[in-house]
Amino acid sequence: MDKKFWADTGKKIIEIFISVKVLTIAALLITSTKLVMLNLMTGGEWAAVNGGVISTVYALREGFKIAKVKSDDDSKDLKA
């Protein structure tokens, strides 16, 4: 594989890691884990909060991908 491929791949990975979603999820995981360690939150609450937020973020991301594909293919599904 050529150097351009690896340069583009590295750039994309860095963009993903510094995106707001990743930073928000990381902050949430760190904060909630500290709360569990301090016995201010139970393991079940930790799982519910983190699972709910992470699954919601990924569901929205996939929804936006589908909406973008639909809007790009000139179908009448999304047009008013």
PDB file of N, CA and C in Angstrom:
ATOM      1  N   MET A   1       0.841  -1.184   0.000  1.00  0.00           N
ATOM      2  CA  MET A   1       0.000   0.000   0.000  1.00  0.00           C
ATOM      3  C   MET A   1       0.889   1.251   0.000  1.00  0.00           C
ATOM      4  N   ASP A   2       0.381   2.265  -0.600  1.00  0.00           N
ATOM      5  CA  ASP A   2       1.201   3.466  -0.724  1.00  0.00           C
ATOM      6  C   ASP A   2       1.134   4.342   0.529  1.00  0.00           C
ATOM      7  N   LYS A   3       2.024   5.304   0.588  1.00  0.00           N
ATOM      8  CA  LYS A   3       2.121   6.184   1.764  1.00  0.00           C
ATOM      9  C   LYS A   3       0.897   7.077   1.912  1.00  0.00           C
ATOM     10  N   LYS A   4       0.282   7.457   0.795  1.00  0.00           N
ATOM     11  CA  LYS A   4      -0.891   8.325   0.863  1.00  0.00           C
ATOM     12  C   LYS A   4      -2.035   7.631   1.597  1.00  0.00           C
ATOM     13  N   PHE A   5      -2.204   6.327   1.342  1.00  0.00           N
ATOM     14  CA  PHE A   5      -3.254   5.576   2.034  1.00  0.00           C
ATOM     15  C   PHE A   5      -3.055   5.631   3.543  1.00  0.00           C
ATOM     16  N   TRP A   6      -1.838   5.371   3.999  1.00  0.00           N
ATOM     17  CA  TRP A   6      -1.568   5.348   5.435  1.00  0.00           C
ATOM     18  C   TRP A   6      -1.664   6.747   6.041  1.00  0.00           C
ATOM     19  N   ALA A   7      -1.265   7.758   5.290  1.00  0.00           N
ATOM     20  CA  ALA A   7      -1.389   9.134   5.776  1.00  0.00           C
ATOM     21  C   ALA A   7      -2.857   9.512   5.924  1.00  0.00           C
ATOM     22  N   ASP A   8      -3.676   9.163   4.934  1.00  0.00           N
ATOM     23  CA  ASP A   8      -5.109   9.448   5.010  1.00  0.00           C
ATOM     24  C   ASP A   8      -5.777   8.662   6.133  1.00  0.00           C
ATOM     25  N   THR A   9      -5.365   7.409   6.314  1.00  0.00           N
ATOM     26  CA  THR A   9      -5.921   6.581   7.379  1.00  0.00           C
ATOM     27  C   THR A   9      -5.571   7.165   8.749  1.00  0.00           C
ATOM     28  N   GLY A  10      -4.330   7.550   8.933  1.00  0.00           N
ATOM     29  CA  GLY A  10      -3.916   8.155  10.201  1.00  0.00           C
ATOM     30  C   GLY A  10      -4.654   9.455  10.479  1.00  0.00           C
ATOM     31  N   LYS A  11      -4.830  10.253   9.453  1.00  0.00           N
ATOM     32  CA  LYS A  11      -5.563  11.513   9.607  1.00  0.00           C
ATOM     33  C   LYS A  11      -7.005  11.260  10.033  1.00  0.00           C
ATOM     34  N   LYS A  12      -7.639  10.282   9.411  1.00  0.00           N
ATOM     35  CA  LYS A  12      -9.033   9.968   9.746  1.00  0.00           C
ATOM     36  C   LYS A  12      -9.145   9.457  11.187  1.00  0.00           C
ATOM     37  N   ILE A  13      -8.225   8.626  11.610  1.00  0.00           N
ATOM     38  CA  ILE A  13      -8.252   8.106  12.984  1.00  0.00           C
ATOM     39  C   ILE A  13      -8.102   9.238  13.987  1.00  0.00           C
ATOM     40  N   ILE A  14      -7.207  10.156  13.715  1.00  0.00           N
ATOM     41  CA  ILE A  14      -7.021  11.301  14.614  1.00  0.00           C
ATOM     42  C   ILE A  14      -8.269  12.162  14.656  1.00  0.00           C
ATOM     43  N   GLU A  15      -8.900  12.385  13.498  1.00  0.00           N
ATOM     44  CA  GLU A  15     -10.139  13.166  13.465  1.00  0.00           C
ATOM     45  C   GLU A  15     -11.233  12.508  14.292  1.00  0.00           C
ATOM     46  N   ILE A  16     -11.309  11.189  14.219  1.00  0.00           N
ATOM     47  CA  ILE A  16     -12.330  10.470  14.988  1.00  0.00           C
ATOM     48  C   ILE A  16     -12.060  10.609  16.477  1.00  0.00           C
ATOM     49  N   PHE A  17     -10.803  10.459  16.881  1.00  0.00           N
ATOM     50  CA  PHE A  17     -10.488  10.501  18.301  1.00  0.00           C
ATOM     51  C   PHE A  17     -10.662  11.875  18.917  1.00  0.00           C
ATOM     52  N   ILE A  18     -10.531  12.927  18.143  1.00  0.00           N
ATOM     53  CA  ILE A  18     -10.698  14.250  18.732  1.00  0.00           C
ATOM     54  C   ILE A  18     -12.093  14.824  18.490  1.00  0.00           C
ATOM     55  N   SER A  19     -12.971  13.994  17.972  1.00  0.00           N
ATOM     56  CA  SER A  19     -14.330  14.476  17.768  1.00  0.00           C
ATOM     57  C   SER A  19     -15.024  14.648  19.120  1.00  0.00           C
ATOM     58  N   VAL A  20     -16.039  15.434  19.103  1.00  0.00           N
ATOM     59  CA  VAL A  20     -16.770  15.746  20.326  1.00  0.00           C
ATOM     60  C   VAL A  20     -17.421  14.509  20.912  1.00  0.00           C
ATOM     61  N   LYS A  21     -17.920  13.625  20.054  1.00  0.00           N
ATOM     62  CA  LYS A  21     -18.583  12.420  20.549  1.00  0.00           C
ATOM     63  C   LYS A  21     -17.642  11.566  21.388  1.00  0.00           C
ATOM     64  N   VAL A  22     -16.450  11.363  20.869  1.00  0.00           N
ATOM     65  CA  VAL A  22     -15.493  10.505  21.572  1.00  0.00           C
ATOM     66  C   VAL A  22     -15.084  11.141  22.896  1.00  0.00           C
ATOM     67  N   LEU A  23     -14.825  12.437  22.880  1.00  0.00           N
ATOM     68  CA  LEU A  23     -14.443  13.115  24.122  1.00  0.00           C
ATOM     69  C   LEU A  23     -15.574  13.087  25.147  1.00  0.00           C
ATOM     70  N   THR A  24     -16.799  13.257  24.701  1.00  0.00           N
ATOM     71  CA  THR A  24     -17.944  13.218  25.609  1.00  0.00           C
ATOM     72  C   THR A  24     -18.114  11.835  26.213  1.00  0.00           C
ATOM     73  N   ILE A  25     -18.017  10.819  25.394  1.00  0.00           N
ATOM     74  CA  ILE A  25     -18.160   9.450  25.897  1.00  0.00           C
ATOM     75  C   ILE A  25     -17.025   9.117  26.859  1.00  0.00           C
ATOM     76  N   ALA A  26     -15.808   9.526  26.541  1.00  0.00           N
ATOM     77  CA  ALA A  26     -14.675   9.271  27.434  1.00  0.00           C
ATOM     78  C   ALA A  26     -14.870   9.974  28.770  1.00  0.00           C
ATOM     79  N   ALA A  27     -15.307  11.230  28.745  1.00  0.00           N
ATOM     80  CA  ALA A  27     -15.544  11.970  29.994  1.00  0.00           C
ATOM     81  C   ALA A  27     -16.641  11.310  30.810  1.00  0.00           C
ATOM     82  N   LEU A  28     -17.685  10.852  30.147  1.00  0.00           N
ATOM     83  CA  LEU A  28     -18.779  10.180  30.845  1.00  0.00           C
ATOM     84  C   LEU A  28     -18.303   8.884  31.492  1.00  0.00           C
ATOM     85  N   LEU A  29     -17.520   8.104  30.759  1.00  0.00           N
ATOM     86  CA  LEU A  29     -17.020   6.843  31.313  1.00  0.00           C
ATOM     87  C   LEU A  29     -16.098   7.078  32.508  1.00  0.00           C
ATOM     88  N   ILE A  30     -15.216   8.053  32.397  1.00  0.00           N
ATOM     89  CA  ILE A  30     -14.293   8.348  33.498  1.00  0.00           C
ATOM     90  C   ILE A  30     -15.047   8.835  34.717  1.00  0.00           C
ATOM     91  N   THR A  31     -15.981   9.772  34.507  1.00  0.00           N
ATOM     92  CA  THR A  31     -16.744  10.331  35.629  1.00  0.00           C
ATOM     93  C   THR A  31     -17.590   9.266  36.311  1.00  0.00           C
ATOM     94  N   SER A  32     -18.299   8.478  35.524  1.00  0.00           N
ATOM     95  CA  SER A  32     -19.169   7.472  36.131  1.00  0.00           C
ATOM     96  C   SER A  32     -18.359   6.365  36.811  1.00  0.00           C
ATOM     97  N   THR A  33     -17.201   6.041  36.273  1.00  0.00           N
ATOM     98  CA  THR A  33     -16.353   5.036  36.923  1.00  0.00           C
ATOM     99  C   THR A  33     -15.841   5.550  38.268  1.00  0.00           C
ATOM    100  N   LYS A  34     -15.471   6.829  38.323  1.00  0.00           N
ATOM    101  CA  LYS A  34     -15.055   7.417  39.610  1.00  0.00           C
ATOM    102  C   LYS A  34     -16.207   7.370  40.614  1.00  0.00           C
ATOM    103  N   LEU A  35     -17.436   7.645  40.154  1.00  0.00           N
ATOM    104  CA  LEU A  35     -18.593   7.595  41.047  1.00  0.00           C
ATOM    105  C   LEU A  35     -18.830   6.182  41.586  1.00  0.00           C
ATOM    106  N   VAL A  36     -18.611   5.173  40.755  1.00  0.00           N
ATOM    107  CA  VAL A  36     -18.745   3.789  41.219  1.00  0.00           C
ATOM    108  C   VAL A  36     -17.664   3.481  42.248  1.00  0.00           C
ATOM    109  N   MET A  37     -16.438   3.946  41.981  1.00  0.00           N
ATOM    110  CA  MET A  37     -15.333   3.692  42.907  1.00  0.00           C
ATOM    111  C   MET A  37     -15.557   4.358  44.260  1.00  0.00           C
ATOM    112  N   LEU A  38     -16.262   5.497  44.270  1.00  0.00           N
ATOM    113  CA  LEU A  38     -16.560   6.209  45.516  1.00  0.00           C
ATOM    114  C   LEU A  38     -17.866   5.752  46.146  1.00  0.00           C
ATOM    115  N   ASN A  39     -18.460   4.693  45.604  1.00  0.00           N
ATOM    116  CA  ASN A  39     -19.738   4.145  46.086  1.00  0.00           C
ATOM    117  C   ASN A  39     -20.878   5.163  46.030  1.00  0.00           C
ATOM    118  N   LEU A  40     -20.822   6.074  45.072  1.00  0.00           N
ATOM    119  CA  LEU A  40     -21.905   7.029  44.868  1.00  0.00           C
ATOM    120  C   LEU A  40     -22.847   6.568  43.767  1.00  0.00           C
ATOM    121  N   MET A  41     -22.475   5.496  43.093  1.00  0.00           N
ATOM    122  CA  MET A  41     -23.283   4.936  42.020  1.00  0.00           C
ATOM    123  C   MET A  41     -23.093   3.429  42.037  1.00  0.00           C
ATOM    124  N   THR A  42     -24.161   2.683  41.742  1.00  0.00           N
ATOM    125  CA  THR A  42     -24.049   1.219  41.714  1.00  0.00           C
ATOM    126  C   THR A  42     -23.613   0.756  40.332  1.00  0.00           C
ATOM    127  N   GLY A  43     -23.224  -0.480  40.249  1.00  0.00           N
ATOM    128  CA  GLY A  43     -22.820  -1.045  38.963  1.00  0.00           C
ATOM    129  C   GLY A  43     -23.958  -1.062  37.957  1.00  0.00           C
ATOM    130  N   GLY A  44     -25.166  -1.323  38.436  1.00  0.00           N
ATOM    131  CA  GLY A  44     -26.325  -1.317  37.547  1.00  0.00           C
ATOM    132  C   GLY A  44     -26.613   0.062  36.984  1.00  0.00           C
ATOM    133  N   GLU A  45     -26.482   1.065  37.819  1.00  0.00           N
ATOM    134  CA  GLU A  45     -26.669   2.449  37.345  1.00  0.00           C
ATOM    135  C   GLU A  45     -25.577   2.821  36.344  1.00  0.00           C
ATOM    136  N   TRP A  46     -24.355   2.394  36.630  1.00  0.00           N
ATOM    137  CA  TRP A  46     -23.239   2.665  35.721  1.00  0.00           C
ATOM    138  C   TRP A  46     -23.523   2.061  34.348  1.00  0.00           C
ATOM    139  N   ALA A  47     -23.969   0.812  34.328  1.00  0.00           N
ATOM    140  CA  ALA A  47     -24.249   0.132  33.063  1.00  0.00           C
ATOM    141  C   ALA A  47     -25.408   0.799  32.324  1.00  0.00           C
ATOM    142  N   ALA A  48     -26.444   1.187  33.062  1.00  0.00           N
ATOM    143  CA  ALA A  48     -27.603   1.804  32.419  1.00  0.00           C
ATOM    144  C   ALA A  48     -27.251   3.162  31.822  1.00  0.00           C
ATOM    145  N   VAL A  49     -26.537   3.973  32.566  1.00  0.00           N
ATOM    146  CA  VAL A  49     -26.178   5.313  32.085  1.00  0.00           C
ATOM    147  C   VAL A  49     -25.242   5.222  30.886  1.00  0.00           C
ATOM    148  N   ASN A  50     -24.165   4.488  31.030  1.00  0.00           N
ATOM    149  CA  ASN A  50     -23.178   4.407  29.949  1.00  0.00           C
ATOM    150  C   ASN A  50     -23.728   3.678  28.728  1.00  0.00           C
ATOM    151  N   GLY A  51     -24.437   2.590  28.945  1.00  0.00           N
ATOM    152  CA  GLY A  51     -25.033   1.865  27.822  1.00  0.00           C
ATOM    153  C   GLY A  51     -26.059   2.706  27.086  1.00  0.00           C
ATOM    154  N   GLY A  52     -26.865   3.428  27.837  1.00  0.00           N
ATOM    155  CA  GLY A  52     -27.885   4.270  27.213  1.00  0.00           C
ATOM    156  C   GLY A  52     -27.297   5.403  26.408  1.00  0.00           C
ATOM    157  N   VAL A  53     -26.324   6.080  26.963  1.00  0.00           N
ATOM    158  CA  VAL A  53     -25.722   7.218  26.258  1.00  0.00           C
ATOM    159  C   VAL A  53     -24.943   6.756  25.030  1.00  0.00           C
ATOM    160  N   ILE A  54     -24.133   5.732  25.180  1.00  0.00           N
ATOM    161  CA  ILE A  54     -23.326   5.254  24.060  1.00  0.00           C
ATOM    162  C   ILE A  54     -24.216   4.728  22.942  1.00  0.00           C
ATOM    163  N   SER A  55     -25.243   3.951  23.277  1.00  0.00           N
ATOM    164  CA  SER A  55     -26.119   3.424  22.223  1.00  0.00           C
ATOM    165  C   SER A  55     -26.910   4.540  21.547  1.00  0.00           C
ATOM    166  N   THR A  56     -27.294   5.570  22.296  1.00  0.00           N
ATOM    167  CA  THR A  56     -28.005   6.699  21.700  1.00  0.00           C
ATOM    168  C   THR A  56     -27.107   7.460  20.734  1.00  0.00           C
ATOM    169  N   VAL A  57     -25.869   7.694  21.116  1.00  0.00           N
ATOM    170  CA  VAL A  57     -24.934   8.405  20.245  1.00  0.00           C
ATOM    171  C   VAL A  57     -24.726   7.644  18.943  1.00  0.00           C
ATOM    172  N   TYR A  58     -24.509   6.329  19.036  1.00  0.00           N
ATOM    173  CA  TYR A  58     -24.290   5.556  17.817  1.00  0.00           C
ATOM    174  C   TYR A  58     -25.553   5.434  16.979  1.00  0.00           C
ATOM    175  N   ALA A  59     -26.719   5.342  17.617  1.00  0.00           N
ATOM    176  CA  ALA A  59     -27.975   5.285  16.864  1.00  0.00           C
ATOM    177  C   ALA A  59     -28.203   6.578  16.089  1.00  0.00           C
ATOM    178  N   LEU A  60     -27.936   7.716  16.714  1.00  0.00           N
ATOM    179  CA  LEU A  60     -28.081   8.995  16.025  1.00  0.00           C
ATOM    180  C   LEU A  60     -27.093   9.103  14.865  1.00  0.00           C
ATOM    181  N   ARG A  61     -25.878   8.648  15.089  1.00  0.00           N
ATOM    182  CA  ARG A  61     -24.871   8.700  14.028  1.00  0.00           C
ATOM    183  C   ARG A  61     -25.304   7.892  12.812  1.00  0.00           C
ATOM    184  N   GLU A  62     -25.814   6.696  13.052  1.00  0.00           N
ATOM    185  CA  GLU A  62     -26.274   5.856  11.946  1.00  0.00           C
ATOM    186  C   GLU A  62     -27.502   6.459  11.276  1.00  0.00           C
ATOM    187  N   GLY A  63     -28.378   7.070  12.062  1.00  0.00           N
ATOM    188  CA  GLY A  63     -29.548   7.731  11.491  1.00  0.00           C
ATOM    189  C   GLY A  63     -29.166   8.863  10.566  1.00  0.00           C
ATOM    190  N   PHE A  64     -28.174   9.648  10.965  1.00  0.00           N
ATOM    191  CA  PHE A  64     -27.704  10.740  10.112  1.00  0.00           C
ATOM    192  C   PHE A  64     -27.040  10.213   8.847  1.00  0.00           C
ATOM    193  N   LYS A  65     -26.333   9.080   8.946  1.00  0.00           N
ATOM    194  CA  LYS A  65     -25.735   8.481   7.753  1.00  0.00           C
ATOM    195  C   LYS A  65     -26.824   8.069   6.761  1.00  0.00           C
ATOM    196  N   ILE A  66     -27.886   7.454   7.276  1.00  0.00           N
ATOM    197  CA  ILE A  66     -28.984   7.020   6.411  1.00  0.00           C
ATOM    198  C   ILE A  66     -29.663   8.227   5.777  1.00  0.00           C
ATOM    199  N   ALA A  67     -29.886   9.280   6.558  1.00  0.00           N
ATOM    200  CA  ALA A  67     -30.520  10.485   6.030  1.00  0.00           C
ATOM    201  C   ALA A  67     -29.656  11.120   4.941  1.00  0.00           C
ATOM    202  N   LYS A  68     -28.344  11.093   5.125  1.00  0.00           N
ATOM    203  CA  LYS A  68     -27.453  11.677   4.116  1.00  0.00           C
ATOM    204  C   LYS A  68     -27.508  10.871   2.831  1.00  0.00           C
ATOM    205  N   VAL A  69     -27.510   9.565   2.930  1.00  0.00           N
ATOM    206  CA  VAL A  69     -27.585   8.724   1.736  1.00  0.00           C
ATOM    207  C   VAL A  69     -28.911   8.963   1.024  1.00  0.00           C
ATOM    208  N   LYS A  70     -29.994   9.031   1.784  1.00  0.00           N
ATOM    209  CA  LYS A  70     -31.306   9.274   1.188  1.00  0.00           C
ATOM    210  C   LYS A  70     -31.347  10.624   0.490  1.00  0.00           C
ATOM    211  N   SER A  71     -30.747  11.641   1.094  1.00  0.00           N
ATOM    212  CA  SER A  71     -30.787  12.969   0.480  1.00  0.00           C
ATOM    213  C   SER A  71     -29.869  13.059  -0.735  1.00  0.00           C
ATOM    214  N   ASP A  72     -28.856  12.211  -0.809  1.00  0.00           N
ATOM    215  CA  ASP A  72     -27.930  12.235  -1.935  1.00  0.00           C
ATOM    216  C   ASP A  72     -28.444  11.473  -3.157  1.00  0.00           C
ATOM    217  N   ASP A  73     -29.425  10.580  -2.982  1.00  0.00           N
ATOM    218  CA  ASP A  73     -29.841   9.747  -4.113  1.00  0.00           C
ATOM    219  C   ASP A  73     -31.042  10.293  -4.879  1.00  0.00           C
ATOM    220  N   ASP A  74     -31.414  11.545  -4.640  1.00  0.00           N
ATOM    221  CA  ASP A  74     -32.486  12.221  -5.368  1.00  0.00           C
ATOM    222  C   ASP A  74     -33.840  11.524  -5.251  1.00  0.00           C
ATOM    223  N   SER A  75     -34.050  10.771  -4.166  1.00  0.00           N
ATOM    224  CA  SER A  75     -35.360  10.175  -3.970  1.00  0.00           C
ATOM    225  C   SER A  75     -36.299  11.215  -3.379  1.00  0.00           C
ATOM    226  N   LYS A  76     -37.571  10.925  -3.405  1.00  0.00           N
ATOM    227  CA  LYS A  76     -38.564  11.890  -2.915  1.00  0.00           C
ATOM    228  C   LYS A  76     -38.949  11.609  -1.461  1.00  0.00           C
ATOM    229  N   ASP A  77     -38.249  10.699  -0.794  1.00  0.00           N
ATOM    230  CA  ASP A  77     -38.599  10.319   0.568  1.00  0.00           C
ATOM    231  C   ASP A  77     -38.445  11.468   1.548  1.00  0.00           C
ATOM    232  N   LEU A  78     -37.388  12.265   1.412  1.00  0.00           N
ATOM    233  CA  LEU A  78     -37.094  13.306   2.382  1.00  0.00           C
ATOM    234  C   LEU A  78     -37.483  14.696   1.910  1.00  0.00           C
ATOM    235  N   LYS A  79     -37.956  14.823   0.708  1.00  0.00           N
ATOM    236  CA  LYS A  79     -38.289  16.140   0.178  1.00  0.00           C
ATOM    237  C   LYS A  79     -39.702  16.528   0.577  1.00  0.00           C
ATOM    238  N   ALA A  80     -39.876  17.803   0.897  1.00  0.00           N
ATOM    239  CA  ALA A  80     -41.199  18.293   1.321  1.00  0.00           C
ATOM    240  C   ALA A  80     -42.084  18.546   0.136  1.00  0.00           C
TER     241      ALA A  80
END
